[in-house]
N, C-alpha and C. Protein backbone atom coordinates (compact mmCIF):
# COMPACT_ATOMS: atom_id res chain seq x y z
N MET A 1 -69.36 214.41 116.81
CA MET A 1 -69.18 215.80 116.50
C MET A 1 -68.18 215.74 115.11
N TYR A 2 -68.79 216.94 114.46
CA TYR A 2 -68.12 217.67 113.47
C TYR A 2 -67.31 218.57 113.57
N LYS A 3 -66.02 218.65 113.24
CA LYS A 3 -64.75 220.12 113.30
C LYS A 3 -65.84 221.14 112.32
N VAL A 4 -66.03 222.17 112.88
CA VAL A 4 -66.25 223.20 112.11
C VAL A 4 -65.72 224.57 112.89
N LEU A 5 -65.62 225.83 111.79
CA LEU A 5 -65.17 227.00 111.99
C LEU A 5 -66.74 227.72 112.74
N THR A 6 -66.27 228.59 114.02
CA THR A 6 -67.15 229.67 114.52
C THR A 6 -67.32 230.88 113.00
N ASN A 7 -68.33 231.62 113.47
CA ASN A 7 -68.73 232.36 112.63
C ASN A 7 -67.36 233.39 112.65
N LYS A 8 -67.25 233.92 114.05
CA LYS A 8 -66.18 234.55 113.89
C LYS A 8 -64.45 234.39 113.48
N GLN A 9 -64.12 233.12 113.29
CA GLN A 9 -63.29 232.19 112.67
C GLN A 9 -63.46 231.85 111.57
N LEU A 10 -64.45 231.98 110.99
CA LEU A 10 -64.57 231.96 109.08
C LEU A 10 -64.18 233.35 109.04
N SER A 11 -64.93 234.65 109.48
CA SER A 11 -64.18 236.00 108.84
C SER A 11 -63.12 235.91 109.05
N LYS A 12 -62.26 235.39 110.15
CA LYS A 12 -61.08 235.62 110.23
C LYS A 12 -59.98 235.10 108.77
N LEU A 13 -60.61 233.93 108.74
CA LEU A 13 -60.00 232.89 107.42
C LEU A 13 -59.93 233.33 106.43
N LYS A 14 -61.17 234.15 106.37
CA LYS A 14 -61.37 234.72 104.82
C LYS A 14 -60.87 235.93 104.82
N LEU A 15 -60.30 236.52 105.48
CA LEU A 15 -59.22 237.44 105.49
C LEU A 15 -58.22 236.93 105.14
N SER A 16 -57.38 236.08 105.79
CA SER A 16 -56.11 235.27 105.72
C SER A 16 -55.83 234.62 104.26
N ILE A 17 -56.83 234.03 103.65
CA ILE A 17 -56.57 233.44 102.82
C ILE A 17 -57.35 234.02 101.35
N LYS A 18 -57.70 235.38 101.03
CA LYS A 18 -57.42 236.11 99.90
C LYS A 18 -56.40 236.42 99.23
N MET A 19 -56.34 236.36 98.40
CA MET A 19 -55.35 236.17 97.53
C MET A 19 -54.59 237.64 97.54
N ASP A 20 -53.35 238.11 98.06
CA ASP A 20 -52.89 239.31 98.17
C ASP A 20 -51.22 238.68 98.47
N THR A 21 -50.20 239.70 98.66
CA THR A 21 -48.79 239.62 98.45
C THR A 21 -48.73 239.19 100.14
N SER A 22 -49.08 239.30 100.85
CA SER A 22 -48.64 238.90 102.15
C SER A 22 -49.29 237.28 102.59
N PHE A 23 -50.24 236.53 101.18
CA PHE A 23 -50.62 235.02 101.85
C PHE A 23 -49.52 234.38 100.99
N LYS A 24 -48.93 233.04 101.50
CA LYS A 24 -48.05 232.57 101.00
C LYS A 24 -48.51 230.72 101.42
N LEU A 25 -48.00 229.80 100.69
CA LEU A 25 -48.18 228.74 101.01
C LEU A 25 -48.21 228.17 102.05
N SER A 26 -47.22 228.47 102.74
CA SER A 26 -46.63 228.36 104.05
C SER A 26 -47.33 228.63 104.93
N ASP A 27 -48.39 229.64 104.99
CA ASP A 27 -49.48 230.33 105.71
C ASP A 27 -50.39 229.36 105.87
N MET A 28 -50.87 227.85 105.04
CA MET A 28 -51.86 227.40 104.88
C MET A 28 -52.05 226.44 106.07
N SER A 29 -51.22 226.04 106.96
CA SER A 29 -51.24 225.11 108.04
C SER A 29 -51.88 226.10 109.49
N GLN A 30 -51.64 227.39 109.36
CA GLN A 30 -52.29 227.84 110.35
C GLN A 30 -53.75 228.07 110.04
N CYS A 31 -54.08 228.17 108.68
CA CYS A 31 -55.58 228.85 108.22
C CYS A 31 -56.14 227.55 108.47
N LEU A 32 -55.38 225.83 108.06
CA LEU A 32 -56.55 224.71 108.35
C LEU A 32 -56.35 224.11 110.19
N GLU A 33 -55.81 225.08 111.06
CA GLU A 33 -55.49 224.49 112.25
C GLU A 33 -57.16 225.31 112.86
N LEU A 34 -57.51 226.25 112.15
CA LEU A 34 -58.77 227.04 112.73
C LEU A 34 -59.86 225.43 112.77
N THR A 35 -59.28 224.69 111.99
CA THR A 35 -60.59 223.61 111.41
C THR A 35 -61.14 222.60 112.59
N ASP A 36 -60.11 222.86 113.54
CA ASP A 36 -59.97 222.15 113.96
C ASP A 36 -60.36 222.53 115.95
N THR A 37 -61.38 223.36 115.36
CA THR A 37 -61.94 224.22 116.59
C THR A 37 -63.18 223.57 116.51
N ILE A 38 -63.93 223.19 117.90
CA ILE A 38 -65.55 222.18 117.77
C ILE A 38 -66.44 223.15 118.28
N LYS A 39 -67.72 223.56 117.64
CA LYS A 39 -68.30 224.58 118.91
C LYS A 39 -69.13 223.88 119.90
N THR A 40 -69.35 224.09 120.78
CA THR A 40 -69.91 223.72 121.84
C THR A 40 -71.20 224.26 122.73
N ASN A 41 -71.67 225.36 121.91
CA ASN A 41 -73.09 226.06 122.35
C ASN A 41 -73.83 225.06 122.15
N PRO A 42 -75.10 224.70 122.76
CA PRO A 42 -76.01 223.79 122.59
C PRO A 42 -77.20 223.85 121.57
N ASN A 43 -77.04 225.11 121.33
CA ASN A 43 -77.75 225.63 120.33
C ASN A 43 -77.40 225.74 118.85
N GLU A 44 -76.27 225.41 118.73
CA GLU A 44 -75.33 225.15 117.42
C GLU A 44 -76.32 223.80 116.86
N PRO A 45 -75.91 224.38 114.96
CA PRO A 45 -76.82 222.82 114.62
C PRO A 45 -75.76 221.67 114.43
N ILE A 46 -76.53 220.57 114.83
CA ILE A 46 -76.49 219.40 114.87
C ILE A 46 -75.26 218.67 114.35
N HIS A 47 -75.53 218.36 112.82
CA HIS A 47 -74.66 218.36 112.11
C HIS A 47 -73.98 219.43 111.31
N ARG A 48 -72.58 219.18 110.90
CA ARG A 48 -71.90 220.54 110.37
C ARG A 48 -70.73 219.75 109.43
N PHE A 49 -71.05 220.52 107.96
CA PHE A 49 -69.77 219.65 107.52
C PHE A 49 -69.25 220.81 106.33
N LYS A 50 -67.43 220.27 106.14
CA LYS A 50 -66.85 221.15 105.00
C LYS A 50 -67.17 220.67 103.96
N ILE A 51 -67.55 221.40 102.61
CA ILE A 51 -68.44 221.19 101.89
C ILE A 51 -67.41 222.36 100.20
N ILE A 52 -66.73 221.39 99.56
CA ILE A 52 -65.93 221.84 98.68
C ILE A 52 -66.73 222.26 97.11
N ILE A 53 -66.79 223.40 96.26
CA ILE A 53 -67.09 223.66 95.17
C ILE A 53 -66.12 223.67 94.57
N ALA A 54 -66.43 223.06 93.54
CA ALA A 54 -64.84 222.78 92.75
C ALA A 54 -65.41 222.90 91.03
N GLY A 55 -64.85 223.45 90.25
CA GLY A 55 -65.19 224.10 88.58
C GLY A 55 -64.30 224.84 88.04
N ASP A 56 -64.77 224.76 86.65
CA ASP A 56 -63.75 225.79 86.09
C ASP A 56 -64.47 227.35 86.37
N GLY A 57 -63.27 228.25 86.18
CA GLY A 57 -64.08 229.62 86.57
C GLY A 57 -65.17 229.87 85.73
N GLY A 58 -65.69 230.28 85.92
CA GLY A 58 -67.16 230.85 85.47
C GLY A 58 -68.46 230.22 85.36
N VAL A 59 -68.28 229.09 86.00
CA VAL A 59 -69.73 228.18 85.67
C VAL A 59 -70.69 228.62 86.72
N GLY A 60 -70.66 229.26 87.87
CA GLY A 60 -71.37 229.88 88.96
C GLY A 60 -71.29 228.97 89.66
N LYS A 61 -70.23 228.70 90.57
CA LYS A 61 -70.01 228.68 91.79
C LYS A 61 -70.25 229.60 92.92
N THR A 62 -69.50 230.76 93.00
CA THR A 62 -69.80 231.81 93.29
C THR A 62 -71.26 232.27 93.36
N THR A 63 -71.85 232.34 92.53
CA THR A 63 -73.17 232.69 91.99
C THR A 63 -74.36 231.98 92.99
N PHE A 64 -73.98 230.63 93.06
CA PHE A 64 -74.37 229.38 93.77
C PHE A 64 -74.87 229.90 95.23
N VAL A 65 -73.41 230.26 95.56
CA VAL A 65 -73.16 230.47 97.41
C VAL A 65 -74.00 231.74 97.34
N LYS A 66 -73.91 232.55 96.53
CA LYS A 66 -74.08 233.86 97.17
C LYS A 66 -76.16 233.91 97.26
N GLN A 67 -76.59 233.68 96.37
CA GLN A 67 -77.90 233.17 96.27
C GLN A 67 -78.47 232.49 97.52
N HIS A 68 -77.38 231.35 98.14
CA HIS A 68 -78.09 230.98 99.64
C HIS A 68 -77.88 231.86 100.36
N LEU A 69 -76.81 232.81 100.14
CA LEU A 69 -76.61 233.57 101.34
C LEU A 69 -77.50 234.73 101.44
N HIS A 70 -77.82 235.21 100.37
CA HIS A 70 -78.20 236.72 100.05
C HIS A 70 -79.70 236.74 99.68
N LYS A 71 -80.12 235.70 98.90
CA LYS A 71 -81.23 235.76 97.95
C LYS A 71 -81.11 236.44 96.77
N LYS A 72 -80.07 236.54 95.95
CA LYS A 72 -80.03 237.70 94.81
C LYS A 72 -79.04 236.85 94.00
N PHE A 73 -79.45 237.63 92.92
CA PHE A 73 -78.32 237.25 91.50
C PHE A 73 -77.41 238.55 91.35
N THR A 74 -76.27 238.32 90.93
CA THR A 74 -75.49 239.35 90.72
C THR A 74 -74.58 239.03 89.30
N PRO A 75 -75.33 239.64 88.22
CA PRO A 75 -74.98 239.41 86.69
C PRO A 75 -73.52 239.43 86.67
N ALA A 76 -72.46 240.66 87.05
CA ALA A 76 -71.59 240.74 87.21
C ALA A 76 -70.52 239.35 87.40
N TYR A 77 -69.54 239.34 86.78
CA TYR A 77 -68.63 238.21 86.91
C TYR A 77 -67.33 238.37 87.51
N VAL A 78 -66.78 238.37 88.85
CA VAL A 78 -65.49 238.58 89.46
C VAL A 78 -65.52 237.19 90.32
N PRO A 79 -63.84 236.74 88.69
CA PRO A 79 -63.53 235.55 89.79
C PRO A 79 -63.12 235.51 91.12
N THR A 80 -63.31 234.17 91.87
CA THR A 80 -62.44 234.01 92.89
C THR A 80 -61.32 234.23 93.30
N LEU A 81 -60.62 234.92 94.32
CA LEU A 81 -59.22 234.69 94.32
C LEU A 81 -58.99 233.85 95.33
N GLY A 82 -58.38 232.66 95.30
CA GLY A 82 -58.16 231.70 96.39
C GLY A 82 -59.07 230.95 96.39
N VAL A 83 -59.59 231.65 97.34
CA VAL A 83 -60.98 230.90 97.88
C VAL A 83 -61.82 231.76 99.11
N ASP A 84 -63.36 231.44 99.28
CA ASP A 84 -63.73 231.79 99.74
C ASP A 84 -64.81 230.85 100.29
N VAL A 85 -64.98 231.14 101.99
CA VAL A 85 -65.48 230.40 102.95
C VAL A 85 -66.47 230.96 103.54
N ASP A 86 -67.89 230.27 103.14
CA ASP A 86 -68.96 230.92 104.00
C ASP A 86 -69.79 229.82 104.59
N PRO A 87 -70.90 229.96 105.61
CA PRO A 87 -71.26 228.77 106.60
C PRO A 87 -73.13 229.10 105.53
N ILE A 88 -73.40 227.91 105.25
CA ILE A 88 -74.94 227.81 104.65
C ILE A 88 -75.29 226.77 105.33
N THR A 89 -76.58 227.63 106.24
CA THR A 89 -77.46 226.77 107.07
C THR A 89 -78.90 226.24 106.75
N PHE A 90 -79.10 225.06 107.01
CA PHE A 90 -80.65 224.69 106.74
C PHE A 90 -81.25 224.08 107.55
N ASN A 91 -82.85 224.21 107.95
CA ASN A 91 -82.97 223.32 108.96
C ASN A 91 -84.40 222.02 108.41
N THR A 92 -83.92 221.15 108.72
CA THR A 92 -84.06 219.65 108.16
C THR A 92 -85.04 218.84 109.18
N ASN A 93 -85.82 218.13 108.92
CA ASN A 93 -86.51 217.18 109.77
C ASN A 93 -85.71 216.42 110.76
N TYR A 94 -84.60 216.40 110.71
CA TYR A 94 -83.62 215.71 111.56
C TYR A 94 -82.99 216.82 112.24
N GLY A 95 -82.94 217.90 112.37
CA GLY A 95 -82.27 218.97 112.78
C GLY A 95 -81.78 219.93 112.06
N SER A 96 -80.83 221.08 112.40
CA SER A 96 -80.66 222.10 111.60
C SER A 96 -78.91 221.41 111.18
N ILE A 97 -78.97 221.72 109.76
CA ILE A 97 -77.51 221.24 109.09
C ILE A 97 -77.01 222.40 109.17
N GLU A 98 -75.23 222.61 109.49
CA GLU A 98 -74.51 223.76 108.92
C GLU A 98 -73.57 223.50 107.87
N PHE A 99 -73.38 223.83 106.60
CA PHE A 99 -72.36 223.68 105.73
C PHE A 99 -71.56 224.73 105.60
N ASN A 100 -69.86 224.24 105.92
CA ASN A 100 -68.96 225.16 105.23
C ASN A 100 -68.66 225.27 104.23
N VAL A 101 -69.03 226.58 103.41
CA VAL A 101 -69.32 226.23 101.93
C VAL A 101 -67.35 226.75 101.55
N TRP A 102 -66.54 225.98 100.83
CA TRP A 102 -65.42 226.49 100.41
C TRP A 102 -65.15 227.02 98.91
N ASP A 103 -65.51 227.98 98.15
CA ASP A 103 -65.56 228.14 97.26
C ASP A 103 -64.36 228.42 96.29
N THR A 104 -63.70 227.61 95.72
CA THR A 104 -62.47 227.49 95.41
C THR A 104 -62.30 228.30 94.00
N ALA A 105 -61.00 229.03 93.40
CA ALA A 105 -61.00 229.81 92.20
C ALA A 105 -61.17 228.41 91.26
N GLY A 106 -61.52 229.05 90.31
CA GLY A 106 -61.61 227.95 89.14
C GLY A 106 -60.35 227.92 87.93
N GLN A 107 -59.54 229.13 88.15
CA GLN A 107 -58.64 229.69 86.77
C GLN A 107 -57.34 228.92 87.55
N ASP A 108 -56.73 228.67 86.31
CA ASP A 108 -55.71 227.52 86.49
C ASP A 108 -54.09 228.35 87.31
N LYS A 109 -54.14 229.67 86.92
CA LYS A 109 -53.36 230.61 87.91
C LYS A 109 -53.41 230.27 89.46
N TYR A 110 -54.68 230.07 90.06
CA TYR A 110 -54.86 229.88 91.41
C TYR A 110 -55.07 228.41 91.55
N GLY A 111 -54.93 227.10 90.64
CA GLY A 111 -54.90 226.13 91.27
C GLY A 111 -53.79 225.83 92.08
N PHE A 112 -52.57 225.63 92.19
CA PHE A 112 -51.70 225.29 92.99
C PHE A 112 -52.10 226.02 94.60
N LEU A 113 -52.74 227.01 94.39
CA LEU A 113 -53.32 227.62 95.79
C LEU A 113 -54.10 226.76 96.47
N SER A 114 -55.17 226.55 95.52
CA SER A 114 -56.40 225.98 95.98
C SER A 114 -56.24 224.20 96.63
N GLU A 115 -55.12 223.61 96.16
CA GLU A 115 -55.66 222.25 96.46
C GLU A 115 -55.56 222.03 97.81
N GLY A 116 -54.44 222.82 98.73
CA GLY A 116 -54.51 222.23 100.28
C GLY A 116 -55.77 222.48 100.98
N TYR A 117 -56.76 223.66 100.10
CA TYR A 117 -58.06 223.63 100.56
C TYR A 117 -58.85 222.78 100.90
N TYR A 118 -58.86 221.52 99.99
CA TYR A 118 -59.61 220.49 99.75
C TYR A 118 -59.31 219.58 100.94
N ILE A 119 -58.47 219.75 101.55
CA ILE A 119 -58.02 218.51 102.89
C ILE A 119 -59.05 219.16 103.88
N GLY A 120 -59.53 217.74 104.15
CA GLY A 120 -60.70 217.88 105.37
C GLY A 120 -62.01 217.84 105.55
N GLY A 121 -62.38 217.85 103.51
CA GLY A 121 -63.46 218.08 103.06
C GLY A 121 -64.32 216.82 103.33
N HIS A 122 -65.41 217.12 103.85
CA HIS A 122 -66.79 215.89 103.80
C HIS A 122 -67.22 215.60 102.62
N GLY A 123 -67.51 216.81 101.92
CA GLY A 123 -68.34 216.36 100.54
C GLY A 123 -68.08 217.40 99.39
N VAL A 124 -68.18 217.38 98.44
CA VAL A 124 -67.89 217.54 97.05
C VAL A 124 -68.98 218.11 96.26
N ILE A 125 -69.29 219.38 95.74
CA ILE A 125 -69.96 220.14 94.53
C ILE A 125 -69.27 220.44 93.12
N CYS A 126 -69.39 219.48 92.23
CA CYS A 126 -68.44 219.55 91.25
C CYS A 126 -69.59 220.32 90.20
N MET A 127 -69.30 221.56 89.69
CA MET A 127 -70.30 222.25 89.11
C MET A 127 -69.42 222.56 87.56
N PHE A 128 -70.29 222.44 86.56
CA PHE A 128 -69.80 222.85 84.96
C PHE A 128 -71.19 223.76 84.57
N ASP A 129 -70.49 224.46 83.63
CA ASP A 129 -71.85 225.56 82.62
C ASP A 129 -72.41 224.43 81.55
N THR A 130 -73.74 224.02 81.55
CA THR A 130 -74.58 223.88 80.69
C THR A 130 -74.41 223.46 79.26
N THR A 131 -73.95 224.98 78.97
CA THR A 131 -73.58 225.59 77.75
C THR A 131 -72.41 225.50 77.55
N SER A 132 -71.22 225.40 78.30
CA SER A 132 -70.29 224.94 78.10
C SER A 132 -69.57 223.22 78.10
N ASN A 133 -68.96 222.85 76.89
CA ASN A 133 -68.62 221.80 76.20
C ASN A 133 -67.20 221.81 77.20
N THR A 134 -66.68 222.61 77.35
CA THR A 134 -65.02 222.61 77.96
C THR A 134 -65.52 222.17 79.20
N SER A 135 -66.53 223.00 80.29
CA SER A 135 -66.33 223.17 81.42
C SER A 135 -67.04 221.53 82.24
N TYR A 136 -67.84 220.75 81.04
CA TYR A 136 -68.45 219.67 81.79
C TYR A 136 -67.17 218.58 81.21
N ARG A 137 -66.51 218.80 80.19
CA ARG A 137 -65.26 217.90 80.17
C ARG A 137 -64.40 217.84 81.31
N ASN A 138 -64.24 219.08 81.73
CA ASN A 138 -62.89 219.07 82.72
C ASN A 138 -63.84 218.58 84.30
N VAL A 139 -65.09 217.84 84.06
CA VAL A 139 -65.73 217.50 85.45
C VAL A 139 -64.85 216.34 85.74
N ARG A 140 -64.79 215.72 85.01
CA ARG A 140 -63.92 214.54 85.77
C ARG A 140 -62.41 214.52 86.27
N GLY A 141 -61.60 215.65 85.70
CA GLY A 141 -60.41 216.02 86.40
C GLY A 141 -60.71 216.61 87.29
N TRP A 142 -61.33 217.55 87.72
CA TRP A 142 -61.74 218.14 89.07
C TRP A 142 -61.97 217.06 90.49
N ILE A 143 -62.82 216.43 89.86
CA ILE A 143 -63.00 215.03 90.63
C ILE A 143 -61.96 214.60 91.24
N LYS A 144 -61.08 214.11 90.24
CA LYS A 144 -59.80 212.89 90.24
C LYS A 144 -58.94 214.23 91.13
N LYS A 145 -58.76 215.24 90.90
CA LYS A 145 -57.93 215.87 91.55
C LYS A 145 -57.98 216.33 92.95
N ILE A 146 -59.54 216.63 93.37
CA ILE A 146 -59.96 216.59 94.79
C ILE A 146 -59.56 215.00 95.48
N GLN A 147 -60.05 213.98 94.98
CA GLN A 147 -59.66 212.48 95.37
C GLN A 147 -58.61 212.42 95.86
N ASN A 148 -57.91 213.11 94.82
CA ASN A 148 -55.95 212.50 95.01
C ASN A 148 -55.77 213.20 96.39
N GLU A 149 -56.32 214.57 96.45
CA GLU A 149 -55.59 215.78 97.09
C GLU A 149 -55.64 215.16 98.47
N ILE A 150 -56.99 214.78 99.07
CA ILE A 150 -57.30 214.31 99.97
C ILE A 150 -57.51 212.85 100.61
N LYS A 151 -57.20 211.94 99.56
CA LYS A 151 -56.71 210.56 99.56
C LYS A 151 -57.84 210.41 100.07
N ASN A 152 -58.74 210.44 99.13
CA ASN A 152 -60.30 209.64 99.73
C ASN A 152 -61.10 209.57 98.08
N LYS A 153 -60.90 208.40 97.58
CA LYS A 153 -61.86 208.12 96.36
C LYS A 153 -63.52 207.81 96.18
N ASN A 154 -64.00 207.98 97.65
CA ASN A 154 -65.36 207.56 97.94
C ASN A 154 -66.05 208.34 98.59
N ILE A 155 -65.29 210.05 98.83
CA ILE A 155 -65.72 211.19 99.51
C ILE A 155 -67.34 211.56 98.68
N PRO A 156 -68.41 211.65 99.25
CA PRO A 156 -69.93 212.09 98.52
C PRO A 156 -69.40 213.49 97.70
N THR A 157 -69.92 212.65 96.10
CA THR A 157 -69.56 213.80 95.14
C THR A 157 -71.16 214.19 94.42
N ILE A 158 -71.34 215.51 94.41
CA ILE A 158 -72.35 215.89 93.34
C ILE A 158 -72.23 216.26 92.17
N ILE A 159 -72.52 216.13 91.38
CA ILE A 159 -72.12 216.58 89.68
C ILE A 159 -73.41 217.64 89.35
N CYS A 160 -73.14 218.29 89.30
CA CYS A 160 -74.11 219.93 89.53
C CYS A 160 -73.79 220.77 87.68
N GLY A 161 -74.73 221.05 86.97
CA GLY A 161 -74.93 221.47 86.05
C GLY A 161 -75.72 222.66 86.05
N ASN A 162 -74.85 223.92 86.32
CA ASN A 162 -75.42 225.21 86.26
C ASN A 162 -75.65 225.73 84.91
N LYS A 163 -77.04 226.71 85.11
CA LYS A 163 -77.21 227.54 83.73
C LYS A 163 -78.47 226.70 83.20
N CYS A 164 -78.96 226.32 83.63
CA CYS A 164 -80.24 225.01 82.68
C CYS A 164 -81.39 226.40 82.44
N ASP A 165 -81.02 227.42 82.97
CA ASP A 165 -82.39 228.23 81.90
C ASP A 165 -81.82 228.91 80.88
N ILE A 166 -80.45 228.35 80.27
CA ILE A 166 -80.18 228.97 79.13
C ILE A 166 -80.26 227.78 78.17
N ASP A 167 -80.68 227.69 76.60
CA ASP A 167 -81.11 226.55 76.12
C ASP A 167 -79.44 225.95 75.63
N GLY A 168 -79.89 224.75 75.45
CA GLY A 168 -78.55 224.20 74.71
C GLY A 168 -77.48 223.43 75.29
N GLY A 169 -77.31 221.63 74.97
CA GLY A 169 -76.19 221.52 75.51
C GLY A 169 -76.26 220.04 76.70
N TYR A 170 -77.98 220.07 77.06
CA TYR A 170 -77.86 219.46 78.37
C TYR A 170 -78.07 217.74 77.57
N MET A 171 -78.64 217.08 76.51
CA MET A 171 -78.55 215.93 76.02
C MET A 171 -77.52 215.36 76.05
N SER A 172 -76.47 215.87 75.41
CA SER A 172 -74.99 215.59 75.73
C SER A 172 -74.46 215.20 76.29
N ILE A 173 -74.44 216.47 77.57
CA ILE A 173 -74.22 216.27 79.43
C ILE A 173 -74.60 215.01 80.08
N SER A 174 -76.25 214.63 79.45
CA SER A 174 -76.89 214.01 80.33
C SER A 174 -76.47 212.55 80.14
N GLN A 175 -75.84 212.39 78.53
CA GLN A 175 -75.40 210.89 78.32
C GLN A 175 -74.21 210.81 79.28
N ILE A 176 -73.60 211.57 79.45
CA ILE A 176 -72.25 211.46 80.31
C ILE A 176 -72.27 211.30 81.60
N TYR A 177 -73.67 212.60 81.96
CA TYR A 177 -73.39 212.44 83.69
C TYR A 177 -74.75 211.96 83.84
N PRO A 178 -75.40 210.78 83.59
CA PRO A 178 -76.42 210.61 83.68
C PRO A 178 -77.20 211.10 85.51
N ASN A 179 -76.56 211.20 86.27
CA ASN A 179 -77.06 211.72 87.74
C ASN A 179 -76.85 213.23 88.05
N VAL A 180 -76.33 213.66 86.81
CA VAL A 180 -76.18 215.50 87.07
C VAL A 180 -77.73 215.41 87.33
N ILE A 181 -77.64 217.14 88.57
CA ILE A 181 -78.19 217.89 88.74
C ILE A 181 -78.53 219.08 88.14
N LYS A 182 -79.21 219.75 87.56
CA LYS A 182 -79.28 220.75 86.70
C LYS A 182 -80.15 221.55 87.43
N ILE A 183 -79.47 223.00 87.59
CA ILE A 183 -80.01 223.89 88.65
C ILE A 183 -79.74 225.06 87.06
N SER A 184 -80.23 226.07 88.38
CA SER A 184 -79.71 227.50 87.53
C SER A 184 -79.67 228.17 89.08
N ALA A 185 -78.56 229.15 88.99
CA ALA A 185 -78.44 229.86 90.30
C ALA A 185 -78.71 231.27 90.06
N LYS A 186 -79.29 231.73 88.60
CA LYS A 186 -79.68 232.93 88.64
C LYS A 186 -81.44 232.93 89.00
N THR A 187 -81.90 231.96 88.47
CA THR A 187 -83.39 231.91 88.40
C THR A 187 -83.61 230.94 89.93
N LYS A 188 -82.61 229.99 90.74
CA LYS A 188 -83.14 229.49 91.64
C LYS A 188 -83.87 228.40 91.47
N THR A 189 -83.77 227.61 90.21
CA THR A 189 -84.40 226.71 90.04
C THR A 189 -83.63 225.74 90.68
N ASP A 190 -83.96 224.52 91.82
CA ASP A 190 -83.65 223.47 92.11
C ASP A 190 -82.16 223.51 92.89
N ILE A 191 -82.11 224.94 93.20
CA ILE A 191 -80.82 225.43 93.52
C ILE A 191 -80.53 224.30 95.17
N ASP A 192 -81.37 224.03 95.80
CA ASP A 192 -81.34 223.27 97.03
C ASP A 192 -80.73 221.87 96.88
N LEU A 193 -80.89 221.19 95.70
CA LEU A 193 -80.88 219.98 95.45
C LEU A 193 -79.09 219.68 95.42
N PRO A 194 -78.27 220.30 94.87
CA PRO A 194 -77.14 219.62 95.13
C PRO A 194 -76.85 219.47 96.83
N LEU A 195 -77.07 220.73 97.47
CA LEU A 195 -76.95 220.19 98.82
C LEU A 195 -77.64 219.54 99.56
N LEU A 196 -79.09 219.31 99.20
CA LEU A 196 -79.70 218.35 99.65
C LEU A 196 -79.41 217.10 99.56
N SER A 197 -78.92 216.78 98.13
CA SER A 197 -78.17 215.47 98.17
C SER A 197 -77.12 215.17 98.87
N LEU A 198 -76.45 215.74 99.23
CA LEU A 198 -74.94 216.21 99.71
C LEU A 198 -75.69 215.40 101.27
N ALA A 199 -76.56 216.31 101.91
CA ALA A 199 -76.89 216.16 103.10
C ALA A 199 -77.50 214.79 103.78
N ARG A 200 -78.35 214.43 102.30
CA ARG A 200 -78.58 212.66 102.58
C ARG A 200 -77.28 211.71 103.03
N LYS A 201 -76.65 211.95 101.47
CA LYS A 201 -75.53 211.22 101.42
C LYS A 201 -74.40 211.50 102.94
N LEU A 202 -74.08 212.59 103.86
CA LEU A 202 -73.67 212.60 104.82
C LEU A 202 -74.45 212.13 105.96
N THR A 203 -75.62 212.37 105.96
CA THR A 203 -76.11 211.99 107.11
C THR A 203 -76.57 210.70 107.50
N GLY A 204 -76.70 209.90 106.16
CA GLY A 204 -77.58 208.75 106.24
C GLY A 204 -78.92 208.98 106.38
N HIS A 205 -79.48 209.84 106.29
CA HIS A 205 -80.92 209.81 106.41
C HIS A 205 -81.56 210.20 104.74
N ARG A 206 -82.18 208.74 104.05
CA ARG A 206 -82.54 208.94 102.88
C ARG A 206 -83.62 209.93 102.82
N ASP A 207 -84.54 209.82 103.88
CA ASP A 207 -85.84 211.00 103.94
C ASP A 207 -85.62 212.22 103.94
N LEU A 208 -84.13 212.56 104.57
CA LEU A 208 -84.12 214.06 104.89
C LEU A 208 -84.38 215.10 103.96
N VAL A 209 -85.40 216.16 104.66
CA VAL A 209 -85.82 217.25 103.79
C VAL A 209 -85.59 218.66 104.68
N PHE A 210 -85.50 219.50 103.74
CA PHE A 210 -85.28 220.60 104.07
C PHE A 210 -86.13 221.56 104.96
N VAL A 211 -86.68 222.36 105.77
CA VAL A 211 -88.11 222.89 105.92
C VAL A 211 -87.80 224.30 106.56
N ASP A 212 -89.06 225.08 106.43
CA ASP A 212 -88.73 226.38 106.95
C ASP A 212 -88.34 226.76 108.42
C-alpha cells in the first residue's frame, strides 16, 4: 500500500506550503509528515503515487494539472509560488489510480524551496515548451536535480513536450529526446499520455488503460 494524503490533508498542505512570509524551510518536515498517512477506506483507489511535475516556468505544468482537474484552459500565466498539490484520479482496467501531483515552481528564485518537495516521489514528469529551445535544454538539469535530491537515478521519468499545437521546434527536440511525449494542455491533445505512461511503469502493467 502506498502512502498518500487524504483530501482534507491535501487542502491543509496546500495552505501550509504556499509561498508567504510565514512559511520557512524549517516547516518542511511538518508538511512532509502528512505524507505518512495511509488511507484505510476500502473504496479508495488501489494504487496511489506521488508524482512530481518539473520544468521551467511557463512551459504549462499548472495548465496541464488544471485541465485534468477542471477540464478547461486558462490562457493567463500565473507563476506557481512554491508548490501546488492536487489529486488526480483515473479508473483503469486494473482498478482506480490516484496521483498526488506536486506542481513545483519553475522560477529560479523558488528553486531552493522546491527541492524538499521531491522527497518521496514515485515518478516524474519533466515538461518543456516545444517552441522554447531554452526550456528543452534545461530538461537534463531538472532530471539530474530531482534524481540527486531523492537519491534515485532510476525513478520513472516521462519527458513531456507541451504546446504541440503551436508550430515550430519539434524536429530538433525529437533528435535529443526521441521518446518525448508531445501534448497540448490547451487543446488537450494526448493530455492523458504522460500519466498513463507513468501508471504503466509504476504498476508494471503494460496493458493498463484509462477507462470511463
